[in-house]
Protein backbone atom coordinates (compact mmCIF):
# COMPACT_ATOMS: atom_id res chain seq x y z
CA MET A 1 65.34 115.86 200.40
CA SER A 2 65.47 117.29 204.00
CA LYS A 3 68.89 118.40 204.89
CA ARG A 4 69.97 116.07 207.41
CA ASP A 5 69.84 113.38 204.35
CA ARG A 6 72.76 115.95 202.33
CA VAL A 7 76.09 113.50 202.00
CA ALA A 8 78.74 115.76 200.96
CA LEU A 9 83.08 114.78 200.10
CA VAL A 10 85.84 117.03 201.22
CA THR A 11 89.54 116.27 200.38
CA GLY A 12 92.07 118.12 201.93
CA ALA A 13 89.62 118.34 204.97
CA GLY A 14 92.29 118.07 207.54
CA SER A 15 93.39 121.87 207.58
CA GLY A 16 93.62 125.21 205.91
CA ILE A 17 90.32 126.18 203.41
CA GLY A 18 89.54 122.05 203.53
CA ARG A 19 88.96 122.23 207.39
CA ALA A 20 87.11 125.12 206.73
CA ALA A 21 84.97 124.33 204.22
CA ALA A 22 84.07 120.94 206.22
CA LEU A 23 83.33 122.74 209.39
CA ALA A 24 80.78 125.34 207.25
CA LEU A 25 79.07 122.10 205.73
CA LEU A 26 79.16 120.12 209.25
CA GLY A 27 77.56 123.56 210.85
CA ASP A 28 74.73 123.16 208.36
CA GLY A 29 73.68 119.49 209.03
CA TYR A 30 75.63 117.90 206.24
CA ARG A 31 77.11 114.63 206.74
CA VAL A 32 80.35 115.28 205.80
CA VAL A 33 83.43 112.38 204.87
CA LEU A 34 86.75 114.44 205.42
CA ALA A 35 89.60 113.07 203.18
CA GLY A 36 93.38 113.54 203.53
CA ARG A 37 96.53 111.89 204.40
CA ARG A 38 97.34 112.94 207.67
CA LEU A 39 94.65 111.28 209.94
CA GLY A 40 95.31 113.29 213.16
CA ALA A 41 94.69 116.24 211.19
CA LEU A 42 91.49 114.70 209.90
CA GLU A 43 90.18 113.64 213.59
CA ALA A 44 91.08 117.40 214.67
CA THR A 45 88.98 118.77 212.55
CA ARG A 46 85.70 116.44 213.12
CA ASP A 47 86.39 116.86 216.72
CA SER A 48 86.04 120.91 216.11
CA SER A 49 82.81 120.52 215.10
CA ALA A 50 79.58 121.29 216.62
CA LEU A 51 78.17 118.01 215.23
CA PRO A 52 80.92 115.69 215.10
CA ASP A 53 78.89 112.53 214.88
CA ASN A 54 77.69 113.31 211.73
CA ALA A 55 81.82 113.49 210.22
CA LEU A 56 83.26 110.21 208.85
CA VAL A 57 87.10 110.33 208.95
CA VAL A 58 89.41 108.40 205.99
CA SER A 59 92.84 108.66 204.98
CA CYS A 60 93.12 108.93 201.33
CA ASP A 61 96.18 109.97 199.04
CA VAL A 62 93.80 111.08 196.02
CA SER A 63 97.10 110.83 193.75
CA ASP A 64 96.05 107.02 194.21
CA PRO A 65 93.36 105.38 192.06
CA SER A 66 93.07 102.49 194.41
CA ALA A 67 92.76 105.03 197.65
CA VAL A 68 90.59 107.46 195.77
CA ALA A 69 88.12 104.34 195.00
CA GLY A 70 88.01 103.09 198.08
CA LEU A 71 87.28 106.41 199.34
CA PHE A 72 84.07 106.70 197.21
CA ALA A 73 83.15 103.21 198.41
CA GLU A 74 83.45 104.41 202.10
CA CYS A 75 81.06 106.99 201.37
CA ARG A 76 78.72 104.93 199.64
CA ALA A 77 78.93 102.43 202.36
CA ALA A 78 78.50 104.85 205.24
CA PHE A 79 76.16 107.32 203.98
CA GLY A 80 74.14 105.46 200.72
CA ARG A 81 74.74 108.76 198.21
CA LEU A 82 77.03 111.89 197.86
CA ASP A 83 75.76 115.24 197.13
CA VAL A 84 78.42 117.48 197.29
CA LEU A 85 82.23 117.30 196.39
CA PHE A 86 84.67 119.96 197.43
CA ASN A 87 87.93 118.92 195.62
CA ASN A 88 90.46 120.84 197.55
CA ALA A 89 93.32 118.63 198.03
CA GLY A 90 96.47 120.29 196.32
CA ARG A 91 100.04 121.06 197.14
CA GLY A 92 102.81 123.20 195.08
CA ALA A 93 106.37 122.31 195.01
CA PRO A 94 109.40 125.14 196.50
CA ALA A 95 109.42 128.75 194.85
CA VAL A 96 113.09 128.05 192.58
CA PRO A 97 113.16 129.61 189.09
CA LEU A 98 111.50 127.16 186.14
CA GLU A 99 114.69 125.88 185.13
CA ASP A 100 115.25 124.37 188.33
CA VAL A 101 112.43 122.41 189.38
CA THR A 102 112.55 118.62 188.87
CA TYR A 103 110.56 116.31 187.18
CA GLU A 104 109.99 114.92 190.66
CA GLN A 105 108.79 117.68 191.69
CA TRP A 106 106.64 118.79 188.93
CA LYS A 107 104.57 114.77 188.68
CA ALA A 108 104.33 115.30 192.66
CA VAL A 109 102.15 118.98 191.66
CA VAL A 110 100.27 117.18 189.28
CA ASP A 111 99.50 113.91 190.36
CA VAL A 112 97.85 115.72 193.08
CA ASN A 113 96.41 118.84 192.05
CA LEU A 114 95.67 117.60 188.59
CA THR A 115 95.47 113.35 188.73
CA GLY A 116 93.89 113.52 191.89
CA MET A 117 90.92 115.88 191.09
CA PHE A 118 90.13 114.02 187.94
CA LEU A 119 90.74 111.24 189.87
CA CYS A 120 88.01 112.37 192.42
CA THR A 121 85.72 113.46 190.00
CA GLN A 122 85.40 110.19 188.12
CA GLN A 123 84.09 108.86 191.22
CA ALA A 124 81.59 111.12 191.86
CA PHE A 125 80.20 110.77 189.03
CA LYS A 126 79.89 106.58 189.13
CA LEU A 127 78.30 107.61 192.77
CA MET A 128 75.85 110.56 191.56
CA ARG A 129 74.64 109.36 188.48
CA ASP A 130 72.70 106.12 189.89
CA GLN A 131 71.88 107.28 193.17
CA ASP A 132 67.96 108.88 194.13
CA PRO A 133 67.46 111.11 193.36
CA ARG A 134 70.31 111.32 190.74
CA GLY A 135 72.57 113.89 190.79
CA GLY A 136 75.26 116.45 192.43
CA ARG A 137 77.58 119.06 192.69
CA ILE A 138 80.94 118.97 192.04
CA ILE A 139 83.83 121.95 193.74
CA ASN A 140 87.41 122.45 192.55
CA ASN A 141 89.73 124.39 193.94
CA GLY A 142 91.15 126.16 191.43
CA SER A 143 93.62 129.52 192.72
CA ILE A 144 93.53 133.33 191.53
CA SER A 145 96.72 131.76 189.62
CA ALA A 146 94.62 129.59 187.06
CA TYR A 147 94.51 132.75 185.48
CA THR A 148 97.73 134.86 186.78
CA PRO A 149 101.01 133.51 187.79
CA ARG A 150 102.91 134.34 190.29
CA PRO A 151 106.93 133.73 190.09
CA ASN A 152 108.46 131.11 189.99
CA SER A 153 105.26 129.27 190.30
CA ALA A 154 105.31 126.87 186.99
CA PRO A 155 104.08 123.49 188.39
CA TYR A 156 101.37 124.74 190.54
CA THR A 157 100.25 127.69 188.18
CA ALA A 158 99.80 124.92 184.76
CA THR A 159 97.87 122.52 187.06
CA LYS A 160 95.30 125.39 188.09
CA HIS A 161 95.05 126.58 184.41
CA ALA A 162 94.32 122.73 183.96
CA VAL A 163 91.87 122.69 186.71
CA THR A 164 89.73 125.30 185.00
CA GLY A 165 89.58 123.29 181.81
CA LEU A 166 88.78 119.89 184.22
CA THR A 167 86.00 122.30 185.74
CA LYS A 168 84.27 122.92 182.11
CA SER A 169 84.33 119.44 180.87
CA THR A 170 82.78 118.22 183.98
CA ALA A 171 80.02 120.73 183.68
CA LEU A 172 79.39 120.43 180.44
CA ASP A 173 80.00 116.45 180.73
CA GLY A 174 78.06 116.53 184.38
CA ARG A 175 75.01 117.65 182.29
CA LYS A 176 72.98 113.92 181.63
CA TYR A 177 73.01 112.89 184.91
CA ASP A 178 71.96 115.70 186.46
CA ILE A 179 75.79 117.13 187.98
CA ALA A 180 76.77 120.55 188.48
CA CYS A 181 80.29 121.98 188.62
CA SER A 182 81.97 125.00 189.76
CA GLN A 183 85.16 126.52 191.13
CA ILE A 184 86.09 128.37 193.37
CA ASP A 185 89.34 130.39 192.87
CA ILE A 186 90.84 132.16 195.94
CA GLY A 187 92.92 134.54 196.74
CA ASN A 188 95.30 135.10 200.27
CA ALA A 189 93.07 133.08 202.91
CA ALA A 190 94.82 133.17 205.93
CA THR A 191 96.14 129.70 206.51
CA GLU A 192 99.29 127.99 207.32
CA LEU A 193 100.01 128.39 203.72
CA THR A 194 100.06 131.94 203.03
CA GLU A 195 102.09 133.14 206.18
CA ARG A 196 105.04 134.03 204.25
CA MET A 197 102.23 136.08 202.05
CA ALA A 198 101.94 137.76 205.17
CA ALA A 199 105.54 138.76 206.11
CA GLY A 200 106.24 139.47 201.97
CA ILE A 201 106.49 138.04 199.22
CA LEU A 202 108.81 138.33 195.65
CA GLN A 203 106.50 140.12 193.13
CA ALA A 204 107.05 140.38 189.37
CA ASN A 205 109.03 143.17 189.58
CA GLY A 206 111.33 141.69 191.81
CA SER A 207 110.15 143.17 194.40
CA VAL A 208 109.25 141.63 198.28
CA VAL A 209 106.31 143.14 199.80
CA PRO A 210 103.79 141.62 202.56
CA GLU A 211 100.01 141.06 201.12
CA PRO A 212 96.83 141.31 203.13
CA ARG A 213 94.86 138.29 203.86
CA MET A 214 91.26 137.16 204.53
CA ALA A 215 89.57 134.93 207.21
CA VAL A 216 89.52 131.49 206.09
CA GLU A 217 86.04 130.75 207.56
CA HIS A 218 84.92 133.23 204.13
CA VAL A 219 85.53 130.16 202.21
CA GLY A 220 83.61 128.40 203.78
CA THR A 221 80.97 130.30 203.98
CA ALA A 222 81.10 130.99 200.00
CA ILE A 223 81.40 126.38 199.36
CA LEU A 224 78.59 126.40 201.63
CA SER A 225 76.53 128.79 199.69
CA ILE A 226 77.24 127.25 196.10
CA ALA A 227 76.36 123.70 197.77
CA ASN A 228 73.11 124.98 198.48
CA LEU A 229 72.04 126.14 195.35
CA PRO A 230 69.22 123.82 193.75
CA LEU A 231 70.78 121.79 190.72
CA GLU A 232 69.03 123.63 187.85
CA ALA A 233 70.95 126.99 188.80
CA ASN A 234 75.26 127.16 188.94
CA VAL A 235 77.99 129.23 189.58
CA LEU A 236 80.50 127.99 187.41
CA PHE A 237 83.46 130.61 188.47
CA MET A 238 83.74 132.40 191.74
CA THR A 239 86.56 134.52 192.81
CA LEU A 240 87.28 135.04 196.53
CA MET A 241 89.93 137.09 197.47
CA ALA A 242 91.12 139.77 200.24
CA THR A 243 90.07 142.90 199.05
CA GLN A 244 92.88 144.91 199.22
CA MET A 245 95.57 142.35 198.05
CA PRO A 246 97.77 142.45 194.49
CA TYR A 247 96.17 140.72 191.92
CA VAL A 248 93.87 143.24 189.81
CA GLY A 249 96.01 145.48 188.13
CA ARG A 250 98.39 142.83 188.38
CA GLY A 251 101.45 143.22 185.80
């Protein structure tokens, strides 16, 4: 398959890590479906690319099964196949004590971070197994919180631990369809969501400490590197983090 025929789909492509990944894929010649809830933000990602004609903008709430089915139907109709899915859409809950998290806050995080990722994976399986050539690659956005929680982060941390299980199941169940699955666990990429870390964030000992961050473009480079592997090889887990952030040795 030539480079110009490769197709990727990025959820949460309107900002941050999703935008960085989408721009890296577009810059390498992929045709990319940009999915997310905010149409204007998706259009801004498209317009930031050197190849905006290679991007398809689709508004989608990944927690809605019918919307996800429609998203992948649009991908099939526009491009005929899917080679890479970056399951990136995610959200957190207010940083409050575990006992103060409401049911609504818990459910909102689970619906996007876990159920939304499952729904997109399921639709990707159906498309990738039936296309010619068969197969593809799914990359899940985990988190360092898939291994080590921050204080007051039970909903987010629980879903990211669950993503690890979904990644392993996807990698196993995808073998018969030539579908590979990876998880990238990112620590402190410089986005709007991590600005509070630069200002100072609560540590396990109760102190508030500024944490180093890294340029978000490094995440896009890493996603592209995984995406471009031949399907006979896979990075099952990758940790990409700001070198001096307090993760190794945390606790």
